[in-house]
């Protein structure tokens, strides 16, 4: 019985060792395969780059007359290089790059990538179609713009604006109101690319008509719009809005001193975030007459209001450190003195 148990244990140990050896061998083989595969891919990519980089450089210098057709192997490398070149240049160079892409058949490749299941390929295809201003992809890009994938939808929206900005705005505006998953800085950059002369008036009109829960998002995008086209809209909203979110959004982007008296009134608002943005707006638009208002806000119950007020005060035209020190010494409120000391230390640093 002892021998049987011993033999069983030995057999089990040998079996376990064999399994462990096989697994280890398979892992080693997998690592070797991956390293060889990666090396081959890098080598192929290098070959494709060497094939297309000189042609891209020549296309930047002059209109290309001919180009080899893209293959399945080099299409990704070409579009990556070509999209990067498109993002790096302006003017006639972009048209020369477009001509090279069409000669190489990149327009057909981009349309095929648009239908790919791989997100990376779809993003590359969408970006390329926008640069190519490929009208035949319009309906599919509109569908992608309404998809749940934020990266794909925003890229599709950018491509539509490149193809035809005026026609894209009726698609864009409702999405700007509803898409809270679009990163605001990215959206602002795309609107800047489209041009304030294109987007200012439609955006202002949409902000004026939007419900209170959607208007703030649109209002913040007016920061880089044309003053003449949005000033009246922001002033109207500032004077007539009842929702504090809308008021705060207007105060954040208001560019016109014409409404300075309205801004001053909001320094007494019951909601602290409105007072905060009013203080910041005074720092941006205010005059020497607003120093007493900002000084009063140094004693606000909310730290952020005190902090922004102190920053605005320190940044007022003609304000010196000596004057700030004098204002600080005049304060009877300990919080007011502390916040001024804090901001003065920041400015010194």
C-alpha atoms as a PDB file:
ATOM      1  CA  UNK A   1       0.000   0.000   0.000  1.00  0.00           C
ATOM      2  CA  UNK A   2       2.933   2.273   0.843  1.00  0.00           C
ATOM      3  CA  UNK A   3       4.559   1.506  -2.529  1.00  0.00           C
ATOM      4  CA  UNK A   4       1.306   2.247  -4.356  1.00  0.00           C
ATOM      5  CA  UNK A   5       0.965   5.631  -2.627  1.00  0.00           C
ATOM      6  CA  UNK A   6       4.618   6.413  -3.307  1.00  0.00           C
ATOM      7  CA  UNK A   7       4.291   5.501  -6.987  1.00  0.00           C
ATOM      8  CA  UNK A   8       1.160   7.592  -7.288  1.00  0.00           C
ATOM      9  CA  UNK A   9       2.942  10.615  -5.750  1.00  0.00           C
ATOM     10  CA  UNK A  10       5.942  10.157  -8.072  1.00  0.00           C
ATOM     11  CA  UNK A  11       3.666   9.886 -11.091  1.00  0.00           C
ATOM     12  CA  UNK A  12       1.806  13.004 -10.025  1.00  0.00           C
ATOM     13  CA  UNK A  13       5.062  14.919  -9.518  1.00  0.00           C
ATOM     14  CA  UNK A  14       6.399  13.841 -12.911  1.00  0.00           C
ATOM     15  CA  UNK A  15       3.117  14.802 -14.543  1.00  0.00           C
ATOM     16  CA  UNK A  16       3.119  18.217 -12.878  1.00  0.00           C
ATOM     17  CA  UNK A  17       6.730  18.803 -13.878  1.00  0.00           C
ATOM     18  CA  UNK A  18       5.926  17.810 -17.461  1.00  0.00           C
ATOM     19  CA  UNK A  19       2.953  20.176 -17.605  1.00  0.00           C
ATOM     20  CA  UNK A  20       5.035  22.996 -16.120  1.00  0.00           C
ATOM     21  CA  UNK A  21       7.809  22.336 -18.668  1.00  0.00           C
ATOM     22  CA  UNK A  22       5.333  22.374 -21.573  1.00  0.00           C
ATOM     23  CA  UNK A  23       3.681  25.586 -20.358  1.00  0.00           C
ATOM     24  CA  UNK A  24       7.078  27.248 -19.880  1.00  0.00           C
ATOM     25  CA  UNK A  25       8.175  26.137 -23.349  1.00  0.00           C
ATOM     26  CA  UNK A  26       4.972  27.468 -24.890  1.00  0.00           C
ATOM     27  CA  UNK A  27       5.449  30.819 -23.118  1.00  0.00           C
ATOM     28  CA  UNK A  28       9.033  31.032 -24.377  1.00  0.00           C
ATOM     29  CA  UNK A  29       7.901  30.196 -27.904  1.00  0.00           C
ATOM     30  CA  UNK A  30       5.101  32.786 -27.667  1.00  0.00           C
ATOM     31  CA  UNK A  31       7.550  35.471 -26.516  1.00  0.00           C
ATOM     32  CA  UNK A  32       9.958  34.598 -29.328  1.00  0.00           C
ATOM     33  CA  UNK A  33       7.089  34.689 -31.846  1.00  0.00           C
ATOM     34  CA  UNK A  34       5.887  38.063 -30.595  1.00  0.00           C
ATOM     35  CA  UNK A  35       9.389  39.523 -30.710  1.00  0.00           C
ATOM     36  CA  UNK A  36       9.948  38.225 -34.246  1.00  0.00           C
ATOM     37  CA  UNK A  37       6.487  39.440 -35.297  1.00  0.00           C
ATOM     38  CA  UNK A  38       7.093  42.874 -33.784  1.00  0.00           C
ATOM     39  CA  UNK A  39      10.480  43.094 -35.478  1.00  0.00           C
ATOM     40  CA  UNK A  40       8.980  42.180 -38.838  1.00  0.00           C
ATOM     41  CA  UNK A  41       6.175  44.725 -38.421  1.00  0.00           C
ATOM     42  CA  UNK A  42       8.668  47.428 -37.495  1.00  0.00           C
ATOM     43  CA  UNK A  43      10.787  46.510 -40.501  1.00  0.00           C
ATOM     44  CA  UNK A  44       7.762  46.602 -42.810  1.00  0.00           C
ATOM     45  CA  UNK A  45       6.676  49.944 -41.352  1.00  0.00           C
ATOM     46  CA  UNK A  46      10.164  51.338 -41.884  1.00  0.00           C
ATOM     47  CA  UNK A  47      10.085  50.192 -45.517  1.00  0.00           C
ATOM     48  CA  UNK A  48       6.668  51.824 -46.044  1.00  0.00           C
ATOM     49  CA  UNK A  49       7.851  55.057 -44.430  1.00  0.00           C
ATOM     50  CA  UNK A  50      10.905  55.112 -46.683  1.00  0.00           C
ATOM     51  CA  UNK A  51       8.603  54.561 -49.645  1.00  0.00           C
ATOM     52  CA  UNK A  52       6.161  57.366 -48.899  1.00  0.00           C
ATOM     53  CA  UNK A  53       8.007  60.013 -46.904  1.00  0.00           C
ATOM     54  CA  UNK A  54       9.977  61.328 -49.901  1.00  0.00           C
ATOM     55  CA  UNK A  55       6.795  61.499 -51.976  1.00  0.00           C
ATOM     56  CA  UNK A  56       5.012  63.433 -49.243  1.00  0.00           C
ATOM     57  CA  UNK A  57       7.948  65.829 -49.063  1.00  0.00           C
ATOM     58  CA  UNK A  58       7.836  66.329 -52.843  1.00  0.00           C
ATOM     59  CA  UNK A  59       4.062  66.879 -52.736  1.00  0.00           C
ATOM     60  CA  UNK A  60       4.608  69.648 -50.176  1.00  0.00           C
ATOM     61  CA  UNK A  61       6.959  71.389 -52.603  1.00  0.00           C
ATOM     62  CA  UNK A  62       4.964  70.974 -55.822  1.00  0.00           C
ATOM     63  CA  UNK A  63       1.820  69.433 -57.261  1.00  0.00           C
ATOM     64  CA  UNK A  64       2.442  65.686 -57.794  1.00  0.00           C
ATOM     65  CA  UNK A  65       1.944  64.229 -61.269  1.00  0.00           C
ATOM     66  CA  UNK A  66       1.844  60.535 -60.377  1.00  0.00           C
ATOM     67  CA  UNK A  67       2.081  58.145 -57.431  1.00  0.00           C
ATOM     68  CA  UNK A  68       2.063  54.376 -56.906  1.00  0.00           C
ATOM     69  CA  UNK A  69      -1.176  52.846 -55.725  1.00  0.00           C
ATOM     70  CA  UNK A  70      -1.556  52.001 -52.067  1.00  0.00           C
ATOM     71  CA  UNK A  71      -1.481  48.342 -51.105  1.00  0.00           C
ATOM     72  CA  UNK A  72      -3.146  46.655 -48.178  1.00  0.00           C
ATOM     73  CA  UNK A  73       0.205  46.524 -46.384  1.00  0.00           C
ATOM     74  CA  UNK A  74       1.167  50.197 -46.614  1.00  0.00           C
ATOM     75  CA  UNK A  75      -2.240  51.901 -46.403  1.00  0.00           C
ATOM     76  CA  UNK A  76      -2.133  52.406 -42.608  1.00  0.00           C
ATOM     77  CA  UNK A  77       1.401  53.823 -42.690  1.00  0.00           C
ATOM     78  CA  UNK A  78       0.532  56.158 -45.566  1.00  0.00           C
ATOM     79  CA  UNK A  79      -2.612  57.516 -43.910  1.00  0.00           C
ATOM     80  CA  UNK A  80      -0.781  58.031 -40.621  1.00  0.00           C
ATOM     81  CA  UNK A  81       1.969  60.015 -42.369  1.00  0.00           C
ATOM     82  CA  UNK A  82      -0.455  61.853 -44.628  1.00  0.00           C
ATOM     83  CA  UNK A  83      -2.872  62.840 -41.834  1.00  0.00           C
ATOM     84  CA  UNK A  84       0.077  64.158 -39.808  1.00  0.00           C
ATOM     85  CA  UNK A  85       1.239  66.232 -42.791  1.00  0.00           C
ATOM     86  CA  UNK A  86      -2.281  67.607 -43.288  1.00  0.00           C
ATOM     87  CA  UNK A  87      -2.417  68.690 -39.644  1.00  0.00           C
ATOM     88  CA  UNK A  88       0.967  70.394 -39.959  1.00  0.00           C
ATOM     89  CA  UNK A  89       0.398  72.636 -42.993  1.00  0.00           C
ATOM     90  CA  UNK A  90      -2.054  75.210 -44.314  1.00  0.00           C
ATOM     91  CA  UNK A  91      -2.976  76.700 -47.668  1.00  0.00           C
ATOM     92  CA  UNK A  92      -2.086  75.262 -51.086  1.00  0.00           C
ATOM     93  CA  UNK A  93       0.090  72.561 -49.531  1.00  0.00           C
ATOM     94  CA  UNK A  94      -3.027  70.793 -48.275  1.00  0.00           C
ATOM     95  CA  UNK A  95      -4.421  70.623 -51.815  1.00  0.00           C
ATOM     96  CA  UNK A  96      -1.134  69.214 -53.098  1.00  0.00           C
ATOM     97  CA  UNK A  97      -1.253  66.539 -50.415  1.00  0.00           C
ATOM     98  CA  UNK A  98      -4.851  65.799 -51.391  1.00  0.00           C
ATOM     99  CA  UNK A  99      -3.813  65.300 -54.996  1.00  0.00           C
ATOM    100  CA  UNK A 100      -1.111  62.838 -53.934  1.00  0.00           C
ATOM    101  CA  UNK A 101      -3.648  60.939 -51.801  1.00  0.00           C
ATOM    102  CA  UNK A 102      -6.128  60.649 -54.675  1.00  0.00           C
ATOM    103  CA  UNK A 103      -3.422  59.525 -57.106  1.00  0.00           C
ATOM    104  CA  UNK A 104      -2.446  56.823 -54.613  1.00  0.00           C
ATOM    105  CA  UNK A 105      -6.075  55.761 -54.070  1.00  0.00           C
ATOM    106  CA  UNK A 106      -6.148  56.916 -50.432  1.00  0.00           C
ATOM    107  CA  UNK A 107      -9.683  58.254 -50.850  1.00  0.00           C
ATOM    108  CA  UNK A 108     -10.953  54.726 -51.506  1.00  0.00           C
ATOM    109  CA  UNK A 109      -8.871  53.377 -48.631  1.00  0.00           C
ATOM    110  CA  UNK A 110     -10.292  56.015 -46.264  1.00  0.00           C
ATOM    111  CA  UNK A 111     -13.854  55.098 -47.294  1.00  0.00           C
ATOM    112  CA  UNK A 112     -13.063  51.452 -46.585  1.00  0.00           C
ATOM    113  CA  UNK A 113     -11.520  52.328 -43.209  1.00  0.00           C
ATOM    114  CA  UNK A 114     -14.709  54.196 -42.311  1.00  0.00           C
ATOM    115  CA  UNK A 115     -16.537  50.836 -42.319  1.00  0.00           C
ATOM    116  CA  UNK A 116     -13.827  48.989 -40.366  1.00  0.00           C
ATOM    117  CA  UNK A 117     -14.541  47.351 -37.013  1.00  0.00           C
ATOM    118  CA  UNK A 118     -11.247  48.628 -35.629  1.00  0.00           C
ATOM    119  CA  UNK A 119     -11.567  52.022 -33.962  1.00  0.00           C
ATOM    120  CA  UNK A 120      -8.040  53.079 -34.944  1.00  0.00           C
ATOM    121  CA  UNK A 121      -8.749  52.463 -38.634  1.00  0.00           C
ATOM    122  CA  UNK A 122     -12.074  54.258 -38.444  1.00  0.00           C
ATOM    123  CA  UNK A 123     -10.491  57.310 -36.815  1.00  0.00           C
ATOM    124  CA  UNK A 124      -7.770  57.398 -39.480  1.00  0.00           C
ATOM    125  CA  UNK A 125     -10.337  57.064 -42.253  1.00  0.00           C
ATOM    126  CA  UNK A 126     -12.635  59.723 -40.806  1.00  0.00           C
ATOM    127  CA  UNK A 127      -9.760  62.179 -40.396  1.00  0.00           C
ATOM    128  CA  UNK A 128      -8.573  61.549 -43.950  1.00  0.00           C
ATOM    129  CA  UNK A 129     -12.057  61.963 -45.427  1.00  0.00           C
ATOM    130  CA  UNK A 130     -12.360  65.319 -43.733  1.00  0.00           C
ATOM    131  CA  UNK A 131      -9.032  66.551 -45.089  1.00  0.00           C
ATOM    132  CA  UNK A 132      -9.972  65.255 -48.544  1.00  0.00           C
ATOM    133  CA  UNK A 133     -13.384  66.977 -48.255  1.00  0.00           C
ATOM    134  CA  UNK A 134     -14.939  63.768 -49.509  1.00  0.00           C
ATOM    135  CA  UNK A 135     -18.614  64.657 -50.079  1.00  0.00           C
ATOM    136  CA  UNK A 136     -19.525  61.064 -50.932  1.00  0.00           C
ATOM    137  CA  UNK A 137     -18.937  60.121 -47.273  1.00  0.00           C
ATOM    138  CA  UNK A 138     -21.316  62.793 -45.917  1.00  0.00           C
ATOM    139  CA  UNK A 139     -24.255  60.590 -44.917  1.00  0.00           C
ATOM    140  CA  UNK A 140     -22.055  57.961 -43.285  1.00  0.00           C
ATOM    141  CA  UNK A 141     -20.149  60.630 -41.354  1.00  0.00           C
ATOM    142  CA  UNK A 142     -23.443  62.102 -40.108  1.00  0.00           C
ATOM    143  CA  UNK A 143     -24.387  58.646 -38.821  1.00  0.00           C
ATOM    144  CA  UNK A 144     -21.029  58.304 -37.055  1.00  0.00           C
ATOM    145  CA  UNK A 145     -21.428  61.791 -35.554  1.00  0.00           C
ATOM    146  CA  UNK A 146     -24.589  60.528 -33.835  1.00  0.00           C
ATOM    147  CA  UNK A 147     -22.934  57.329 -32.560  1.00  0.00           C
ATOM    148  CA  UNK A 148     -22.320  56.559 -28.896  1.00  0.00           C
ATOM    149  CA  UNK A 149     -18.530  56.486 -29.282  1.00  0.00           C
ATOM    150  CA  UNK A 150     -17.402  59.995 -28.245  1.00  0.00           C
ATOM    151  CA  UNK A 151     -14.050  59.854 -30.055  1.00  0.00           C
ATOM    152  CA  UNK A 152     -15.573  58.655 -33.315  1.00  0.00           C
ATOM    153  CA  UNK A 153     -18.522  61.044 -33.173  1.00  0.00           C
ATOM    154  CA  UNK A 154     -16.354  64.090 -32.498  1.00  0.00           C
ATOM    155  CA  UNK A 155     -13.896  63.128 -35.249  1.00  0.00           C
ATOM    156  CA  UNK A 156     -16.803  62.700 -37.656  1.00  0.00           C
ATOM    157  CA  UNK A 157     -18.138  66.112 -36.694  1.00  0.00           C
ATOM    158  CA  UNK A 158     -14.759  67.668 -37.376  1.00  0.00           C
ATOM    159  CA  UNK A 159     -14.602  65.934 -40.766  1.00  0.00           C
ATOM    160  CA  UNK A 160     -18.061  67.274 -41.670  1.00  0.00           C
ATOM    161  CA  UNK A 161     -16.957  70.803 -40.798  1.00  0.00           C
ATOM    162  CA  UNK A 162     -13.905  70.372 -43.035  1.00  0.00           C
ATOM    163  CA  UNK A 163     -16.062  69.154 -45.903  1.00  0.00           C
ATOM    164  CA  UNK A 164     -18.718  71.883 -45.649  1.00  0.00           C
ATOM    165  CA  UNK A 165     -18.868  73.960 -42.483  1.00  0.00           C
ATOM    166  CA  UNK A 166     -22.151  75.720 -43.265  1.00  0.00           C
ATOM    167  CA  UNK A 167     -23.929  72.458 -44.072  1.00  0.00           C
ATOM    168  CA  UNK A 168     -22.444  70.800 -40.974  1.00  0.00           C
ATOM    169  CA  UNK A 169     -23.722  73.405 -38.497  1.00  0.00           C
ATOM    170  CA  UNK A 170     -27.345  72.120 -38.449  1.00  0.00           C
ATOM    171  CA  UNK A 171     -25.875  68.739 -37.467  1.00  0.00           C
ATOM    172  CA  UNK A 172     -23.348  70.186 -35.026  1.00  0.00           C
ATOM    173  CA  UNK A 173     -25.493  72.584 -32.989  1.00  0.00           C
ATOM    174  CA  UNK A 174     -27.979  69.996 -31.622  1.00  0.00           C
ATOM    175  CA  UNK A 175     -25.085  67.683 -30.781  1.00  0.00           C
ATOM    176  CA  UNK A 176     -23.277  70.468 -28.920  1.00  0.00           C
ATOM    177  CA  UNK A 177     -26.373  70.861 -26.771  1.00  0.00           C
ATOM    178  CA  UNK A 178     -26.751  67.168 -25.976  1.00  0.00           C
ATOM    179  CA  UNK A 179     -23.246  65.663 -26.000  1.00  0.00           C
ATOM    180  CA  UNK A 180     -21.823  66.087 -22.517  1.00  0.00           C
ATOM    181  CA  UNK A 181     -19.230  63.382 -23.303  1.00  0.00           C
ATOM    182  CA  UNK A 182     -17.403  65.608 -25.798  1.00  0.00           C
ATOM    183  CA  UNK A 183     -14.305  67.197 -24.152  1.00  0.00           C
ATOM    184  CA  UNK A 184     -14.903  70.964 -24.116  1.00  0.00           C
ATOM    185  CA  UNK A 185     -11.293  71.943 -25.042  1.00  0.00           C
ATOM    186  CA  UNK A 186     -11.407  69.601 -28.043  1.00  0.00           C
ATOM    187  CA  UNK A 187     -14.740  71.044 -29.171  1.00  0.00           C
ATOM    188  CA  UNK A 188     -13.400  74.592 -28.769  1.00  0.00           C
ATOM    189  CA  UNK A 189     -10.422  73.738 -31.002  1.00  0.00           C
ATOM    190  CA  UNK A 190     -12.710  72.298 -33.675  1.00  0.00           C
ATOM    191  CA  UNK A 191     -14.930  75.389 -33.605  1.00  0.00           C
ATOM    192  CA  UNK A 192     -11.808  77.549 -33.873  1.00  0.00           C
ATOM    193  CA  UNK A 193     -10.745  75.563 -36.947  1.00  0.00           C
ATOM    194  CA  UNK A 194     -14.141  76.127 -38.551  1.00  0.00           C
ATOM    195  CA  UNK A 195     -13.710  79.876 -37.978  1.00  0.00           C
ATOM    196  CA  UNK A 196     -15.613  82.423 -35.869  1.00  0.00           C
ATOM    197  CA  UNK A 197     -17.067  83.935 -39.037  1.00  0.00           C
ATOM    198  CA  UNK A 198     -18.871  80.621 -39.610  1.00  0.00           C
ATOM    199  CA  UNK A 199     -19.915  79.556 -36.122  1.00  0.00           C
ATOM    200  CA  UNK A 200     -20.487  82.785 -34.159  1.00  0.00           C
ATOM    201  CA  UNK A 201     -24.006  83.695 -35.286  1.00  0.00           C
ATOM    202  CA  UNK A 202     -25.468  80.132 -35.305  1.00  0.00           C
ATOM    203  CA  UNK A 203     -23.962  79.412 -31.885  1.00  0.00           C
ATOM    204  CA  UNK A 204     -25.296  82.657 -30.430  1.00  0.00           C
ATOM    205  CA  UNK A 205     -28.772  81.931 -31.781  1.00  0.00           C
ATOM    206  CA  UNK A 206     -28.723  78.394 -30.417  1.00  0.00           C
ATOM    207  CA  UNK A 207     -27.592  79.624 -26.985  1.00  0.00           C
ATOM    208  CA  UNK A 208     -30.458  82.116 -26.960  1.00  0.00           C
ATOM    209  CA  UNK A 209     -33.040  79.419 -27.729  1.00  0.00           C
ATOM    210  CA  UNK A 210     -31.602  76.595 -25.633  1.00  0.00           C
ATOM    211  CA  UNK A 211     -33.250  75.464 -22.362  1.00  0.00           C
ATOM    212  CA  UNK A 212     -31.398  76.369 -19.135  1.00  0.00           C
ATOM    213  CA  UNK A 213     -29.846  72.913 -18.712  1.00  0.00           C
ATOM    214  CA  UNK A 214     -28.255  73.039 -22.194  1.00  0.00           C
ATOM    215  CA  UNK A 215     -27.540  76.759 -22.682  1.00  0.00           C
ATOM    216  CA  UNK A 216     -24.408  76.982 -20.459  1.00  0.00           C
ATOM    217  CA  UNK A 217     -22.505  74.489 -22.613  1.00  0.00           C
ATOM    218  CA  UNK A 218     -23.235  76.527 -25.757  1.00  0.00           C
ATOM    219  CA  UNK A 219     -22.498  79.839 -24.056  1.00  0.00           C
ATOM    220  CA  UNK A 220     -18.996  78.735 -23.035  1.00  0.00           C
ATOM    221  CA  UNK A 221     -18.186  77.996 -26.674  1.00  0.00           C
ATOM    222  CA  UNK A 222     -18.849  81.663 -27.498  1.00  0.00           C
ATOM    223  CA  UNK A 223     -15.600  82.683 -25.809  1.00  0.00           C
ATOM    224  CA  UNK A 224     -13.692  82.716 -29.106  1.00  0.00           C
ATOM    225  CA  UNK A 225     -16.563  84.027 -31.248  1.00  0.00           C
ATOM    226  CA  UNK A 226     -16.753  87.467 -32.824  1.00  0.00           C
ATOM    227  CA  UNK A 227     -17.618  90.134 -30.263  1.00  0.00           C
ATOM    228  CA  UNK A 228     -20.029  91.958 -32.562  1.00  0.00           C
ATOM    229  CA  UNK A 229     -21.996  88.790 -33.249  1.00  0.00           C
ATOM    230  CA  UNK A 230     -22.348  87.493 -29.692  1.00  0.00           C
ATOM    231  CA  UNK A 231     -22.177  90.520 -27.412  1.00  0.00           C
ATOM    232  CA  UNK A 232     -25.886  91.297 -27.726  1.00  0.00           C
ATOM    233  CA  UNK A 233     -26.849  87.680 -27.099  1.00  0.00           C
ATOM    234  CA  UNK A 234     -24.721  87.447 -23.960  1.00  0.00           C
ATOM    235  CA  UNK A 235     -25.996  90.798 -22.709  1.00  0.00           C
ATOM    236  CA  UNK A 236     -29.616  89.750 -23.262  1.00  0.00           C
ATOM    237  CA  UNK A 237     -29.094  86.451 -21.454  1.00  0.00           C
ATOM    238  CA  UNK A 238     -27.264  88.158 -18.604  1.00  0.00           C
ATOM    239  CA  UNK A 239     -30.112  90.601 -18.054  1.00  0.00           C
ATOM    240  CA  UNK A 240     -33.009  88.193 -18.522  1.00  0.00           C
ATOM    241  CA  UNK A 241     -31.858  84.722 -17.449  1.00  0.00           C
ATOM    242  CA  UNK A 242     -33.263  83.385 -14.204  1.00  0.00           C
ATOM    243  CA  UNK A 243     -31.145  80.241 -14.043  1.00  0.00           C
ATOM    244  CA  UNK A 244     -27.889  80.859 -12.163  1.00  0.00           C
ATOM    245  CA  UNK A 245     -26.064  78.357 -14.387  1.00  0.00           C
ATOM    246  CA  UNK A 246     -26.827  80.486 -17.438  1.00  0.00           C
ATOM    247  CA  UNK A 247     -25.788  83.664 -15.614  1.00  0.00           C
ATOM    248  CA  UNK A 248     -22.489  82.092 -14.538  1.00  0.00           C
ATOM    249  CA  UNK A 249     -21.744  80.900 -18.077  1.00  0.00           C
ATOM    250  CA  UNK A 250     -22.376  84.398 -19.465  1.00  0.00           C
ATOM    251  CA  UNK A 251     -20.121  85.979 -16.855  1.00  0.00           C
ATOM    252  CA  UNK A 252     -17.321  83.559 -17.771  1.00  0.00           C
ATOM    253  CA  UNK A 253     -17.180  84.578 -21.437  1.00  0.00           C
ATOM    254  CA  UNK A 254     -18.638  88.116 -21.520  1.00  0.00           C
ATOM    255  CA  UNK A 255     -16.158  90.196 -23.567  1.00  0.00           C
ATOM    256  CA  UNK A 256     -17.901  93.579 -23.639  1.00  0.00           C
ATOM    257  CA  UNK A 257     -17.569  96.341 -20.984  1.00  0.00           C
ATOM    258  CA  UNK A 258     -20.933  97.595 -22.251  1.00  0.00           C
ATOM    259  CA  UNK A 259     -22.581  95.315 -19.676  1.00  0.00           C
ATOM    260  CA  UNK A 260     -20.264  96.196 -16.799  1.00  0.00           C
ATOM    261  CA  UNK A 261     -23.099  97.603 -14.674  1.00  0.00           C
ATOM    262  CA  UNK A 262     -24.915  94.265 -14.941  1.00  0.00           C
ATOM    263  CA  UNK A 263     -21.758  92.413 -13.896  1.00  0.00           C
ATOM    264  CA  UNK A 264     -21.436  94.657 -10.845  1.00  0.00           C
ATOM    265  CA  UNK A 265     -24.939  93.770  -9.703  1.00  0.00           C
ATOM    266  CA  UNK A 266     -24.089  90.080  -9.688  1.00  0.00           C
ATOM    267  CA  UNK A 267     -21.393  90.585  -7.043  1.00  0.00           C
ATOM    268  CA  UNK A 268     -24.349  90.616  -4.597  1.00  0.00           C
ATOM    269  CA  UNK A 269     -26.045  87.483  -5.953  1.00  0.00           C
ATOM    270  CA  UNK A 270     -27.285  84.894  -3.458  1.00  0.00           C
ATOM    271  CA  UNK A 271     -25.414  82.028  -5.163  1.00  0.00           C
ATOM    272  CA  UNK A 272     -21.703  81.990  -4.410  1.00  0.00           C
ATOM    273  CA  UNK A 273     -20.598  80.675  -7.798  1.00  0.00           C
ATOM    274  CA  UNK A 274     -22.319  83.623  -9.488  1.00  0.00           C
ATOM    275  CA  UNK A 275     -20.440  86.014  -7.189  1.00  0.00           C
ATOM    276  CA  UNK A 276     -17.230  84.172  -8.036  1.00  0.00           C
ATOM    277  CA  UNK A 277     -17.687  84.594 -11.791  1.00  0.00           C
ATOM    278  CA  UNK A 278     -18.792  88.193 -11.332  1.00  0.00           C
ATOM    279  CA  UNK A 279     -15.518  88.880  -9.501  1.00  0.00           C
ATOM    280  CA  UNK A 280     -13.522  87.278 -12.291  1.00  0.00           C
ATOM    281  CA  UNK A 281     -15.445  89.286 -14.896  1.00  0.00           C
ATOM    282  CA  UNK A 282     -14.666  92.498 -12.994  1.00  0.00           C
ATOM    283  CA  UNK A 283     -11.002  91.538 -13.041  1.00  0.00           C
ATOM    284  CA  UNK A 284     -11.251  91.188 -16.812  1.00  0.00           C
ATOM    285  CA  UNK A 285     -13.498  94.149 -17.665  1.00  0.00           C
ATOM    286  CA  UNK A 286     -13.581  96.363 -14.598  1.00  0.00           C
ATOM    287  CA  UNK A 287     -12.128  99.786 -13.927  1.00  0.00           C
ATOM    288  CA  UNK A 288     -10.523 101.541 -10.985  1.00  0.00           C
ATOM    289  CA  UNK A 289     -14.054 102.216  -9.723  1.00  0.00           C
ATOM    290  CA  UNK A 290     -14.527  98.495  -9.075  1.00  0.00           C
ATOM    291  CA  UNK A 291     -11.778  98.269  -6.457  1.00  0.00           C
ATOM    292  CA  UNK A 292     -14.229  98.900  -3.556  1.00  0.00           C
ATOM    293  CA  UNK A 293     -16.557  96.114  -4.827  1.00  0.00           C
ATOM    294  CA  UNK A 294     -13.739  93.623  -5.094  1.00  0.00           C
ATOM    295  CA  UNK A 295     -12.418  94.698  -1.703  1.00  0.00           C
ATOM    296  CA  UNK A 296     -15.832  94.021  -0.188  1.00  0.00           C
ATOM    297  CA  UNK A 297     -15.843  90.538  -1.705  1.00  0.00           C
ATOM    298  CA  UNK A 298     -12.597  89.740   0.132  1.00  0.00           C
ATOM    299  CA  UNK A 299     -14.749  89.059   3.158  1.00  0.00           C
ATOM    300  CA  UNK A 300     -17.167  86.684   1.390  1.00  0.00           C
ATOM    301  CA  UNK A 301     -18.150  83.541   3.299  1.00  0.00           C
ATOM    302  CA  UNK A 302     -16.891  81.329   0.437  1.00  0.00           C
ATOM    303  CA  UNK A 303     -13.119  80.839   0.069  1.00  0.00           C
ATOM    304  CA  UNK A 304     -13.234  80.643  -3.736  1.00  0.00           C
ATOM    305  CA  UNK A 305     -15.092  83.944  -3.990  1.00  0.00           C
ATOM    306  CA  UNK A 306     -12.483  85.565  -1.742  1.00  0.00           C
ATOM    307  CA  UNK A 307      -9.652  84.014  -3.758  1.00  0.00           C
ATOM    308  CA  UNK A 308     -10.956  85.090  -7.187  1.00  0.00           C
ATOM    309  CA  UNK A 309     -11.754  88.542  -5.867  1.00  0.00           C
ATOM    310  CA  UNK A 310      -8.223  88.920  -4.525  1.00  0.00           C
ATOM    311  CA  UNK A 311      -6.813  87.767  -7.866  1.00  0.00           C
ATOM    312  CA  UNK A 312      -9.025  90.235  -9.740  1.00  0.00           C
ATOM    313  CA  UNK A 313      -8.028  93.019  -7.374  1.00  0.00           C
ATOM    314  CA  UNK A 314      -4.323  92.268  -7.788  1.00  0.00           C
ATOM    315  CA  UNK A 315      -4.701  92.307 -11.562  1.00  0.00           C
ATOM    316  CA  UNK A 316      -6.549  95.620 -11.828  1.00  0.00           C
ATOM    317  CA  UNK A 317      -4.911  98.233 -14.116  1.00  0.00           C
ATOM    318  CA  UNK A 318      -2.396 100.329 -12.200  1.00  0.00           C
ATOM    319  CA  UNK A 319      -2.522  98.124  -9.098  1.00  0.00           C
ATOM    320  CA  UNK A 320       0.811  97.975  -7.290  1.00  0.00           C
ATOM    321  CA  UNK A 321       2.084  95.823  -4.458  1.00  0.00           C
ATOM    322  CA  UNK A 322       2.207  98.881  -2.227  1.00  0.00           C
ATOM    323  CA  UNK A 323      -1.465  99.601  -2.903  1.00  0.00           C
ATOM    324  CA  UNK A 324      -2.367  95.949  -2.221  1.00  0.00           C
ATOM    325  CA  UNK A 325      -0.508  96.078   1.071  1.00  0.00           C
ATOM    326  CA  UNK A 326      -2.392  99.240   1.978  1.00  0.00           C
ATOM    327  CA  UNK A 327      -5.735  97.570   1.168  1.00  0.00           C
ATOM    328  CA  UNK A 328      -4.737  94.561   3.247  1.00  0.00           C
ATOM    329  CA  UNK A 329      -3.843  96.697   6.266  1.00  0.00           C
ATOM    330  CA  UNK A 330      -7.204  98.464   6.006  1.00  0.00           C
ATOM    331  CA  UNK A 331      -9.149  95.193   6.350  1.00  0.00           C
ATOM    332  CA  UNK A 332     -10.722  94.369   9.689  1.00  0.00           C
ATOM    333  CA  UNK A 333     -11.770  90.892   8.513  1.00  0.00           C
ATOM    334  CA  UNK A 334      -9.083  88.255   9.127  1.00  0.00           C
ATOM    335  CA  UNK A 335     -10.219  86.213   6.107  1.00  0.00           C
ATOM    336  CA  UNK A 336      -9.826  89.265   3.851  1.00  0.00           C
ATOM    337  CA  UNK A 337      -6.294  89.906   5.095  1.00  0.00           C
ATOM    338  CA  UNK A 338      -5.320  86.232   4.757  1.00  0.00           C
ATOM    339  CA  UNK A 339      -6.567  85.862   1.192  1.00  0.00           C
ATOM    340  CA  UNK A 340      -4.762  89.006   0.060  1.00  0.00           C
ATOM    341  CA  UNK A 341      -1.570  87.757   1.701  1.00  0.00           C
ATOM    342  CA  UNK A 342      -2.032  84.428  -0.096  1.00  0.00           C
ATOM    343  CA  UNK A 343      -2.502  86.035  -3.545  1.00  0.00           C
ATOM    344  CA  UNK A 344       0.356  88.477  -3.039  1.00  0.00           C
ATOM    345  CA  UNK A 345       2.641  85.551  -2.184  1.00  0.00           C
ATOM    346  CA  UNK A 346       1.507  83.749  -5.334  1.00  0.00           C
ATOM    347  CA  UNK A 347       2.294  86.771  -7.489  1.00  0.00           C
ATOM    348  CA  UNK A 348       5.709  87.181  -5.876  1.00  0.00           C
ATOM    349  CA  UNK A 349       6.516  83.518  -6.532  1.00  0.00           C
END
